[in-house]
Amino acid sequence: MSGIVYLVGAGPGDPRLLTLRGAEVLQRADVVVYDRLAPAALLDLAPRGAERVDAGKARGRVALSQEAINRVLVDRGRRGLTVARLKGGDPFVFGRGGEEALALAEAGVAFEVVPGVSAAVAAPAYAGIPVTHRGLAASYAVVSATLAGGAPADLARTAAAADTLVLLMAAERLGEVCAQLIAAGRPADQPAAVIASASTAAQRVVTGTLAELAAGDPDIDPPATLVCGPSVALAGPLAWFAPAGTPQPRPASAQA
């Protein structure tokens, strides 16, 4: 008797950005295996009696290793249970969803991928930054600033990959990352922004040039997304999201 495991993208932070399919899966799950970055409110969608397994990872704390997570998913699936594997962002965008899908496929356990809204596009959008914009940016690339195990990524190969560069997991070494991008050829005066806790009431956006962020190294807590490229200059005029407790931006027509 085999169940099914759903690899569900929980979105960038605001629980309302979960997809309808994701909500459907959670509402009938027997087991929810959730990450640290998955909004806690989404756990309330699962039935009261559902098993909840904390698989969150944070600096200095690992609730479960990736191998242990894979074993849990395979075990519960083989028991005939419906499992929701709730992951921040999108399961296949630096979420190790591919590793978990491979483990399930090799074990003969059925699975379905439920895509989620990735911070790679949501964080810039919530800061008023289009990752593509006619006349400014015809391409964008998403890279990780941190490799598995916390090792820094070598950004020289990807620094010039696209007009807009979106870097995930850059908060803890922001100054170093910006300096590395400049050394690899991106203009020191290129507009850049770092967006922390995107789409939530705690969202914080720091803008400047790559050189300014490299020198200032603002105190930013993860999760945070770094964006650089010409279209980042639109962050001011296109600002639309105001976290709770901050003034709402007025339309340009009302700012006379």
C-alpha atoms as a PDB file:
ATOM      1  CA  MET A   1       0.000   0.000   0.000  1.00  0.00           C
ATOM      2  CA  SER A   2       1.550   3.268  -1.110  1.00  0.00           C
ATOM      3  CA  GLY A   3       0.544   6.797  -0.297  1.00  0.00           C
ATOM      4  CA  ILE A   4       1.678   9.966  -2.011  1.00  0.00           C
ATOM      5  CA  VAL A   5       4.060  12.774  -1.122  1.00  0.00           C
ATOM      6  CA  TYR A   6       3.338  16.318  -2.290  1.00  0.00           C
ATOM      7  CA  LEU A   7       6.347  18.629  -2.529  1.00  0.00           C
ATOM      8  CA  VAL A   8       4.577  21.927  -1.840  1.00  0.00           C
ATOM      9  CA  GLY A   9       6.020  25.384  -2.345  1.00  0.00           C
ATOM     10  CA  ALA A  10       4.882  27.592   0.538  1.00  0.00           C
ATOM     11  CA  GLY A  11       5.807  30.896  -1.111  1.00  0.00           C
ATOM     12  CA  PRO A  12       8.088  33.725   0.043  1.00  0.00           C
ATOM     13  CA  GLY A  13       6.602  34.507   3.458  1.00  0.00           C
ATOM     14  CA  ASP A  14       3.035  35.799   3.267  1.00  0.00           C
ATOM     15  CA  PRO A  15       0.837  32.711   3.807  1.00  0.00           C
ATOM     16  CA  ARG A  16      -1.755  34.145   1.395  1.00  0.00           C
ATOM     17  CA  LEU A  17       0.671  33.532  -1.477  1.00  0.00           C
ATOM     18  CA  LEU A  18       0.231  29.770  -1.174  1.00  0.00           C
ATOM     19  CA  THR A  19      -1.363  28.354  -4.319  1.00  0.00           C
ATOM     20  CA  LEU A  20      -4.869  26.897  -4.311  1.00  0.00           C
ATOM     21  CA  ARG A  21      -3.400  23.477  -5.073  1.00  0.00           C
ATOM     22  CA  GLY A  22      -1.079  23.803  -2.098  1.00  0.00           C
ATOM     23  CA  ALA A  23      -4.022  24.611   0.166  1.00  0.00           C
ATOM     24  CA  GLU A  24      -5.970  21.615  -1.135  1.00  0.00           C
ATOM     25  CA  VAL A  25      -3.076  19.289  -0.385  1.00  0.00           C
ATOM     26  CA  LEU A  26      -2.543  20.631   3.136  1.00  0.00           C
ATOM     27  CA  GLN A  27      -6.232  20.327   3.999  1.00  0.00           C
ATOM     28  CA  ARG A  28      -6.186  16.565   3.452  1.00  0.00           C
ATOM     29  CA  ALA A  29      -2.673  15.712   4.591  1.00  0.00           C
ATOM     30  CA  ASP A  30      -2.039  12.943   7.099  1.00  0.00           C
ATOM     31  CA  VAL A  31       1.504  14.244   7.645  1.00  0.00           C
ATOM     32  CA  VAL A  32       3.081  17.687   7.179  1.00  0.00           C
ATOM     33  CA  VAL A  33       6.875  17.888   7.028  1.00  0.00           C
ATOM     34  CA  TYR A  34       7.708  21.583   7.154  1.00  0.00           C
ATOM     35  CA  ASP A  35      10.743  23.840   6.790  1.00  0.00           C
ATOM     36  CA  ARG A  36      11.726  26.841   8.905  1.00  0.00           C
ATOM     37  CA  LEU A  37      10.881  29.302   6.113  1.00  0.00           C
ATOM     38  CA  ALA A  38       7.386  27.917   5.531  1.00  0.00           C
ATOM     39  CA  PRO A  39       4.855  30.321   7.125  1.00  0.00           C
ATOM     40  CA  ALA A  40       3.685  28.854  10.436  1.00  0.00           C
ATOM     41  CA  ALA A  41       0.088  29.866   9.696  1.00  0.00           C
ATOM     42  CA  LEU A  42      -0.059  27.312   6.893  1.00  0.00           C
ATOM     43  CA  LEU A  43       0.185  24.474   9.402  1.00  0.00           C
ATOM     44  CA  ASP A  44      -3.303  25.439  10.578  1.00  0.00           C
ATOM     45  CA  LEU A  45      -4.677  24.329   7.203  1.00  0.00           C
ATOM     46  CA  ALA A  46      -3.817  20.713   7.974  1.00  0.00           C
ATOM     47  CA  PRO A  47      -6.290  18.533   9.874  1.00  0.00           C
ATOM     48  CA  ARG A  48      -5.964  18.793  13.641  1.00  0.00           C
ATOM     49  CA  GLY A  49      -4.856  15.170  13.956  1.00  0.00           C
ATOM     50  CA  ALA A  50      -2.224  15.323  11.223  1.00  0.00           C
ATOM     51  CA  GLU A  51       1.357  14.490  12.211  1.00  0.00           C
ATOM     52  CA  ARG A  52       3.594  17.564  12.053  1.00  0.00           C
ATOM     53  CA  VAL A  53       7.320  17.013  11.544  1.00  0.00           C
ATOM     54  CA  ASP A  54       9.706  19.958  12.026  1.00  0.00           C
ATOM     55  CA  ALA A  55      12.464  19.695   9.425  1.00  0.00           C
ATOM     56  CA  GLY A  56      13.676  23.266   9.785  1.00  0.00           C
ATOM     57  CA  LYS A  57      17.319  24.179   9.314  1.00  0.00           C
ATOM     58  CA  ALA A  58      18.992  27.260  10.783  1.00  0.00           C
ATOM     59  CA  ARG A  59      22.510  28.314  11.696  1.00  0.00           C
ATOM     60  CA  GLY A  60      23.653  26.145  14.590  1.00  0.00           C
ATOM     61  CA  ARG A  61      20.477  24.070  14.500  1.00  0.00           C
ATOM     62  CA  VAL A  62      19.421  21.189  12.281  1.00  0.00           C
ATOM     63  CA  ALA A  63      16.169  19.541  13.253  1.00  0.00           C
ATOM     64  CA  LEU A  64      16.657  16.777  10.663  1.00  0.00           C
ATOM     65  CA  SER A  65      19.421  16.092   8.176  1.00  0.00           C
ATOM     66  CA  GLN A  66      18.452  15.921   4.517  1.00  0.00           C
ATOM     67  CA  GLU A  67      18.953  12.156   4.586  1.00  0.00           C
ATOM     68  CA  ALA A  68      16.631  11.887   7.598  1.00  0.00           C
ATOM     69  CA  ILE A  69      14.003  14.011   5.843  1.00  0.00           C
ATOM     70  CA  ASN A  70      14.177  11.724   2.825  1.00  0.00           C
ATOM     71  CA  ARG A  71      13.679   8.699   5.082  1.00  0.00           C
ATOM     72  CA  VAL A  72      10.631  10.264   6.743  1.00  0.00           C
ATOM     73  CA  LEU A  73       9.031  11.009   3.386  1.00  0.00           C
ATOM     74  CA  VAL A  74       9.676   7.513   2.068  1.00  0.00           C
ATOM     75  CA  ASP A  75       8.515   5.863   5.293  1.00  0.00           C
ATOM     76  CA  ARG A  76       5.234   7.771   5.519  1.00  0.00           C
ATOM     77  CA  GLY A  77       4.558   7.302   1.827  1.00  0.00           C
ATOM     78  CA  ARG A  78       5.100   3.550   2.082  1.00  0.00           C
ATOM     79  CA  ARG A  79       2.619   3.438   4.955  1.00  0.00           C
ATOM     80  CA  GLY A  80      -0.076   4.655   2.569  1.00  0.00           C
ATOM     81  CA  LEU A  81      -0.268   8.166   4.021  1.00  0.00           C
ATOM     82  CA  THR A  82      -0.808  11.490   2.271  1.00  0.00           C
ATOM     83  CA  VAL A  83       2.239  13.634   2.996  1.00  0.00           C
ATOM     84  CA  ALA A  84       2.618  17.378   2.432  1.00  0.00           C
ATOM     85  CA  ARG A  85       6.285  18.363   2.308  1.00  0.00           C
ATOM     86  CA  LEU A  86       6.002  22.106   2.903  1.00  0.00           C
ATOM     87  CA  LYS A  87       8.994  24.080   1.663  1.00  0.00           C
ATOM     88  CA  GLY A  88       9.637  27.828   1.580  1.00  0.00           C
ATOM     89  CA  GLY A  89       9.447  29.416  -1.863  1.00  0.00           C
ATOM     90  CA  ASP A  90       9.416  26.849  -4.659  1.00  0.00           C
ATOM     91  CA  PRO A  91      10.538  23.249  -4.071  1.00  0.00           C
ATOM     92  CA  PHE A  92      12.815  23.205  -7.118  1.00  0.00           C
ATOM     93  CA  VAL A  93      14.472  26.629  -6.629  1.00  0.00           C
ATOM     94  CA  PHE A  94      17.340  25.998  -4.203  1.00  0.00           C
ATOM     95  CA  GLY A  95      14.921  23.996  -2.075  1.00  0.00           C
ATOM     96  CA  ARG A  96      16.413  20.497  -2.450  1.00  0.00           C
ATOM     97  CA  GLY A  97      13.090  19.387  -3.859  1.00  0.00           C
ATOM     98  CA  GLY A  98      14.903  17.514  -6.590  1.00  0.00           C
ATOM     99  CA  GLU A  99      16.846  15.471  -4.037  1.00  0.00           C
ATOM    100  CA  GLU A 100      13.653  14.530  -2.232  1.00  0.00           C
ATOM    101  CA  ALA A 101      11.866  13.673  -5.481  1.00  0.00           C
ATOM    102  CA  LEU A 102      14.763  11.400  -6.484  1.00  0.00           C
ATOM    103  CA  ALA A 103      14.642   9.621  -3.117  1.00  0.00           C
ATOM    104  CA  LEU A 104      10.902   9.049  -3.548  1.00  0.00           C
ATOM    105  CA  ALA A 105      11.268   7.881  -7.149  1.00  0.00           C
ATOM    106  CA  GLU A 106      14.010   5.417  -6.204  1.00  0.00           C
ATOM    107  CA  ALA A 107      11.822   4.071  -3.374  1.00  0.00           C
ATOM    108  CA  GLY A 108       8.822   3.684  -5.657  1.00  0.00           C
ATOM    109  CA  VAL A 109       6.717   6.217  -3.738  1.00  0.00           C
ATOM    110  CA  ALA A 110       4.339   8.375  -5.774  1.00  0.00           C
ATOM    111  CA  PHE A 111       4.893  12.120  -5.577  1.00  0.00           C
ATOM    112  CA  GLU A 112       3.604  15.371  -7.036  1.00  0.00           C
ATOM    113  CA  VAL A 113       5.386  18.722  -7.244  1.00  0.00           C
ATOM    114  CA  VAL A 114       3.223  21.719  -6.296  1.00  0.00           C
ATOM    115  CA  PRO A 115       5.136  24.803  -7.466  1.00  0.00           C
ATOM    116  CA  GLY A 116       5.312  27.826  -5.190  1.00  0.00           C
ATOM    117  CA  VAL A 117       6.053  31.538  -5.523  1.00  0.00           C
ATOM    118  CA  SER A 118       9.816  31.833  -5.255  1.00  0.00           C
ATOM    119  CA  ALA A 119      11.472  34.688  -3.387  1.00  0.00           C
ATOM    120  CA  ALA A 120      13.650  35.003  -6.477  1.00  0.00           C
ATOM    121  CA  VAL A 121      10.812  36.873  -8.194  1.00  0.00           C
ATOM    122  CA  ALA A 122       8.559  37.759  -5.233  1.00  0.00           C
ATOM    123  CA  ALA A 123      11.162  39.646  -3.201  1.00  0.00           C
ATOM    124  CA  PRO A 124      12.057  42.006  -6.057  1.00  0.00           C
ATOM    125  CA  ALA A 125       8.363  42.462  -6.879  1.00  0.00           C
ATOM    126  CA  TYR A 126       7.542  43.398  -3.273  1.00  0.00           C
ATOM    127  CA  ALA A 127      10.337  45.979  -3.425  1.00  0.00           C
ATOM    128  CA  GLY A 128       8.977  47.474  -6.661  1.00  0.00           C
ATOM    129  CA  ILE A 129      11.700  45.922  -8.822  1.00  0.00           C
ATOM    130  CA  PRO A 130      10.722  44.224 -12.095  1.00  0.00           C
ATOM    131  CA  VAL A 131      13.365  41.618 -12.891  1.00  0.00           C
ATOM    132  CA  THR A 132      12.734  42.301 -16.588  1.00  0.00           C
ATOM    133  CA  HIS A 133      11.714  45.670 -17.995  1.00  0.00           C
ATOM    134  CA  ARG A 134      11.686  46.846 -21.585  1.00  0.00           C
ATOM    135  CA  GLY A 135      14.699  49.016 -22.308  1.00  0.00           C
ATOM    136  CA  LEU A 136      16.410  48.140 -19.016  1.00  0.00           C
ATOM    137  CA  ALA A 137      16.573  44.376 -18.513  1.00  0.00           C
ATOM    138  CA  ALA A 138      15.909  41.683 -21.084  1.00  0.00           C
ATOM    139  CA  SER A 139      17.100  38.789 -18.904  1.00  0.00           C
ATOM    140  CA  TYR A 140      17.494  37.720 -15.302  1.00  0.00           C
ATOM    141  CA  ALA A 141      19.403  34.985 -13.530  1.00  0.00           C
ATOM    142  CA  VAL A 142      18.912  33.435 -10.119  1.00  0.00           C
ATOM    143  CA  VAL A 143      21.949  32.175  -8.220  1.00  0.00           C
ATOM    144  CA  SER A 144      22.782  31.140  -4.686  1.00  0.00           C
ATOM    145  CA  ALA A 145      25.386  33.057  -2.748  1.00  0.00           C
ATOM    146  CA  THR A 146      25.845  30.121  -0.376  1.00  0.00           C
ATOM    147  CA  LEU A 147      26.505  26.500  -1.223  1.00  0.00           C
ATOM    148  CA  ALA A 148      25.412  23.392   0.663  1.00  0.00           C
ATOM    149  CA  GLY A 149      26.975  23.305   4.091  1.00  0.00           C
ATOM    150  CA  GLY A 150      27.283  27.097   4.232  1.00  0.00           C
ATOM    151  CA  ALA A 151      30.318  27.421   1.965  1.00  0.00           C
ATOM    152  CA  PRO A 152      30.479  30.671  -0.051  1.00  0.00           C
ATOM    153  CA  ALA A 153      29.731  30.344  -3.755  1.00  0.00           C
ATOM    154  CA  ASP A 154      32.232  31.470  -6.400  1.00  0.00           C
ATOM    155  CA  LEU A 155      30.247  34.139  -8.215  1.00  0.00           C
ATOM    156  CA  ALA A 156      32.832  34.945 -10.900  1.00  0.00           C
ATOM    157  CA  ARG A 157      31.191  32.588 -13.411  1.00  0.00           C
ATOM    158  CA  THR A 158      27.665  33.907 -12.920  1.00  0.00           C
ATOM    159  CA  ALA A 159      28.216  37.594 -12.128  1.00  0.00           C
ATOM    160  CA  ALA A 160      27.608  38.652 -15.731  1.00  0.00           C
ATOM    161  CA  ALA A 161      24.993  35.998 -16.522  1.00  0.00           C
ATOM    162  CA  ALA A 162      22.074  38.397 -17.042  1.00  0.00           C
ATOM    163  CA  ASP A 163      20.939  42.014 -16.948  1.00  0.00           C
ATOM    164  CA  THR A 164      19.297  41.458 -13.564  1.00  0.00           C
ATOM    165  CA  LEU A 165      21.026  39.208 -11.072  1.00  0.00           C
ATOM    166  CA  VAL A 166      19.044  37.806  -8.150  1.00  0.00           C
ATOM    167  CA  LEU A 167      21.064  36.233  -5.348  1.00  0.00           C
ATOM    168  CA  LEU A 168      19.467  34.104  -2.667  1.00  0.00           C
ATOM    169  CA  MET A 169      21.051  33.324   0.707  1.00  0.00           C
ATOM    170  CA  ALA A 170      23.306  36.386   0.622  1.00  0.00           C
ATOM    171  CA  ALA A 171      22.338  38.095   3.895  1.00  0.00           C
ATOM    172  CA  GLU A 172      25.096  36.744   6.117  1.00  0.00           C
ATOM    173  CA  ARG A 173      27.909  37.829   3.766  1.00  0.00           C
ATOM    174  CA  LEU A 174      26.331  40.731   1.916  1.00  0.00           C
ATOM    175  CA  GLY A 175      29.385  43.007   1.755  1.00  0.00           C
ATOM    176  CA  GLU A 176      31.601  40.200   0.541  1.00  0.00           C
ATOM    177  CA  VAL A 177      29.083  39.171  -2.120  1.00  0.00           C
ATOM    178  CA  CYS A 178      28.729  42.721  -3.483  1.00  0.00           C
ATOM    179  CA  ALA A 179      32.513  43.142  -3.589  1.00  0.00           C
ATOM    180  CA  GLN A 180      32.852  39.827  -5.411  1.00  0.00           C
ATOM    181  CA  LEU A 181      30.300  40.886  -8.023  1.00  0.00           C
ATOM    182  CA  ILE A 182      32.187  44.136  -8.649  1.00  0.00           C
ATOM    183  CA  ALA A 183      35.473  42.258  -8.943  1.00  0.00           C
ATOM    184  CA  ALA A 184      33.825  39.925 -11.468  1.00  0.00           C
ATOM    185  CA  GLY A 185      32.812  42.827 -13.721  1.00  0.00           C
ATOM    186  CA  ARG A 186      29.468  44.234 -12.615  1.00  0.00           C
ATOM    187  CA  PRO A 187      29.634  48.059 -12.407  1.00  0.00           C
ATOM    188  CA  ALA A 188      30.364  49.401  -8.937  1.00  0.00           C
ATOM    189  CA  ASP A 189      27.694  52.086  -9.449  1.00  0.00           C
ATOM    190  CA  GLN A 190      25.028  49.600 -10.551  1.00  0.00           C
ATOM    191  CA  PRO A 191      21.753  49.932  -8.592  1.00  0.00           C
ATOM    192  CA  ALA A 192      21.298  47.191  -6.012  1.00  0.00           C
ATOM    193  CA  ALA A 193      18.833  46.299  -3.300  1.00  0.00           C
ATOM    194  CA  VAL A 194      18.625  43.771  -0.508  1.00  0.00           C
ATOM    195  CA  ILE A 195      15.143  42.708   0.576  1.00  0.00           C
ATOM    196  CA  ALA A 196      14.730  40.982   3.942  1.00  0.00           C
ATOM    197  CA  SER A 197      11.620  39.040   5.028  1.00  0.00           C
ATOM    198  CA  ALA A 198       9.919  39.820   1.718  1.00  0.00           C
ATOM    199  CA  SER A 199       6.106  40.009   1.625  1.00  0.00           C
ATOM    200  CA  THR A 200       5.765  39.985   5.420  1.00  0.00           C
ATOM    201  CA  ALA A 201       5.122  42.667   8.027  1.00  0.00           C
ATOM    202  CA  ALA A 202       8.851  42.557   8.818  1.00  0.00           C
ATOM    203  CA  GLN A 203       9.940  43.363   5.247  1.00  0.00           C
ATOM    204  CA  ARG A 204      12.923  45.689   5.023  1.00  0.00           C
ATOM    205  CA  VAL A 205      14.500  47.051   1.843  1.00  0.00           C
ATOM    206  CA  VAL A 206      17.945  48.659   1.638  1.00  0.00           C
ATOM    207  CA  THR A 207      18.929  50.211  -1.681  1.00  0.00           C
ATOM    208  CA  GLY A 208      22.121  51.742  -3.020  1.00  0.00           C
ATOM    209  CA  THR A 209      24.847  50.928  -5.477  1.00  0.00           C
ATOM    210  CA  LEU A 210      26.803  47.693  -5.329  1.00  0.00           C
ATOM    211  CA  ALA A 211      29.777  49.686  -3.996  1.00  0.00           C
ATOM    212  CA  GLU A 212      27.660  51.280  -1.279  1.00  0.00           C
ATOM    213  CA  LEU A 213      26.250  47.953  -0.145  1.00  0.00           C
ATOM    214  CA  ALA A 214      29.732  46.438  -0.226  1.00  0.00           C
ATOM    215  CA  ALA A 215      31.108  49.223   1.960  1.00  0.00           C
ATOM    216  CA  GLY A 216      28.140  49.730   4.249  1.00  0.00           C
ATOM    217  CA  ASP A 217      27.284  46.049   4.737  1.00  0.00           C
ATOM    218  CA  PRO A 218      23.899  46.833   6.393  1.00  0.00           C
ATOM    219  CA  ASP A 219      22.797  44.635   9.251  1.00  0.00           C
ATOM    220  CA  ILE A 220      20.305  42.374   7.471  1.00  0.00           C
ATOM    221  CA  ASP A 221      18.851  39.228   8.974  1.00  0.00           C
ATOM    222  CA  PRO A 222      17.987  36.252   6.768  1.00  0.00           C
ATOM    223  CA  PRO A 223      15.991  35.397   4.799  1.00  0.00           C
ATOM    224  CA  ALA A 224      17.091  38.095   2.387  1.00  0.00           C
ATOM    225  CA  THR A 225      17.423  38.480  -1.365  1.00  0.00           C
ATOM    226  CA  LEU A 226      20.008  40.619  -3.147  1.00  0.00           C
ATOM    227  CA  VAL A 227      19.101  42.104  -6.534  1.00  0.00           C
ATOM    228  CA  CYS A 228      21.358  44.131  -8.814  1.00  0.00           C
ATOM    229  CA  GLY A 229      20.842  45.546 -12.289  1.00  0.00           C
ATOM    230  CA  PRO A 230      19.491  48.607 -14.093  1.00  0.00           C
ATOM    231  CA  SER A 231      15.837  47.875 -13.264  1.00  0.00           C
ATOM    232  CA  VAL A 232      16.570  48.174  -9.528  1.00  0.00           C
ATOM    233  CA  ALA A 233      16.463  51.935 -10.123  1.00  0.00           C
ATOM    234  CA  LEU A 234      12.682  51.561 -10.398  1.00  0.00           C
ATOM    235  CA  ALA A 235      12.407  50.519  -6.741  1.00  0.00           C
ATOM    236  CA  GLY A 236      11.624  54.105  -5.758  1.00  0.00           C
ATOM    237  CA  PRO A 237       8.883  55.070  -8.207  1.00  0.00           C
ATOM    238  CA  LEU A 238       7.343  51.587  -8.225  1.00  0.00           C
ATOM    239  CA  ALA A 239       7.258  51.082  -4.450  1.00  0.00           C
ATOM    240  CA  TRP A 240       3.803  49.732  -3.645  1.00  0.00           C
ATOM    241  CA  PHE A 241       4.101  47.482  -0.600  1.00  0.00           C
ATOM    242  CA  ALA A 242       4.165  48.969   2.871  1.00  0.00           C
ATOM    243  CA  PRO A 243       4.654  46.567   5.798  1.00  0.00           C
ATOM    244  CA  ALA A 244       2.259  46.932   8.715  1.00  0.00           C
ATOM    245  CA  GLY A 245       2.857  50.100  10.682  1.00  0.00           C
ATOM    246  CA  THR A 246       4.497  52.071   7.850  1.00  0.00           C
ATOM    247  CA  PRO A 247       2.829  54.756   5.735  1.00  0.00           C
ATOM    248  CA  GLN A 248       1.250  53.564   2.497  1.00  0.00           C
ATOM    249  CA  PRO A 249       2.929  55.058  -0.588  1.00  0.00           C
ATOM    250  CA  ARG A 250       0.769  57.558  -2.449  1.00  0.00           C
ATOM    251  CA  PRO A 251       0.180  57.262  -6.202  1.00  0.00           C
ATOM    252  CA  ALA A 252       2.511  59.458  -8.255  1.00  0.00           C
ATOM    253  CA  SER A 253      -0.457  61.565  -9.366  1.00  0.00           C
ATOM    254  CA  ALA A 254      -1.130  62.497  -5.723  1.00  0.00           C
ATOM    255  CA  GLN A 255       2.421  63.546  -4.951  1.00  0.00           C
ATOM    256  CA  ALA A 256       2.228  66.972  -6.584  1.00  0.00           C
END
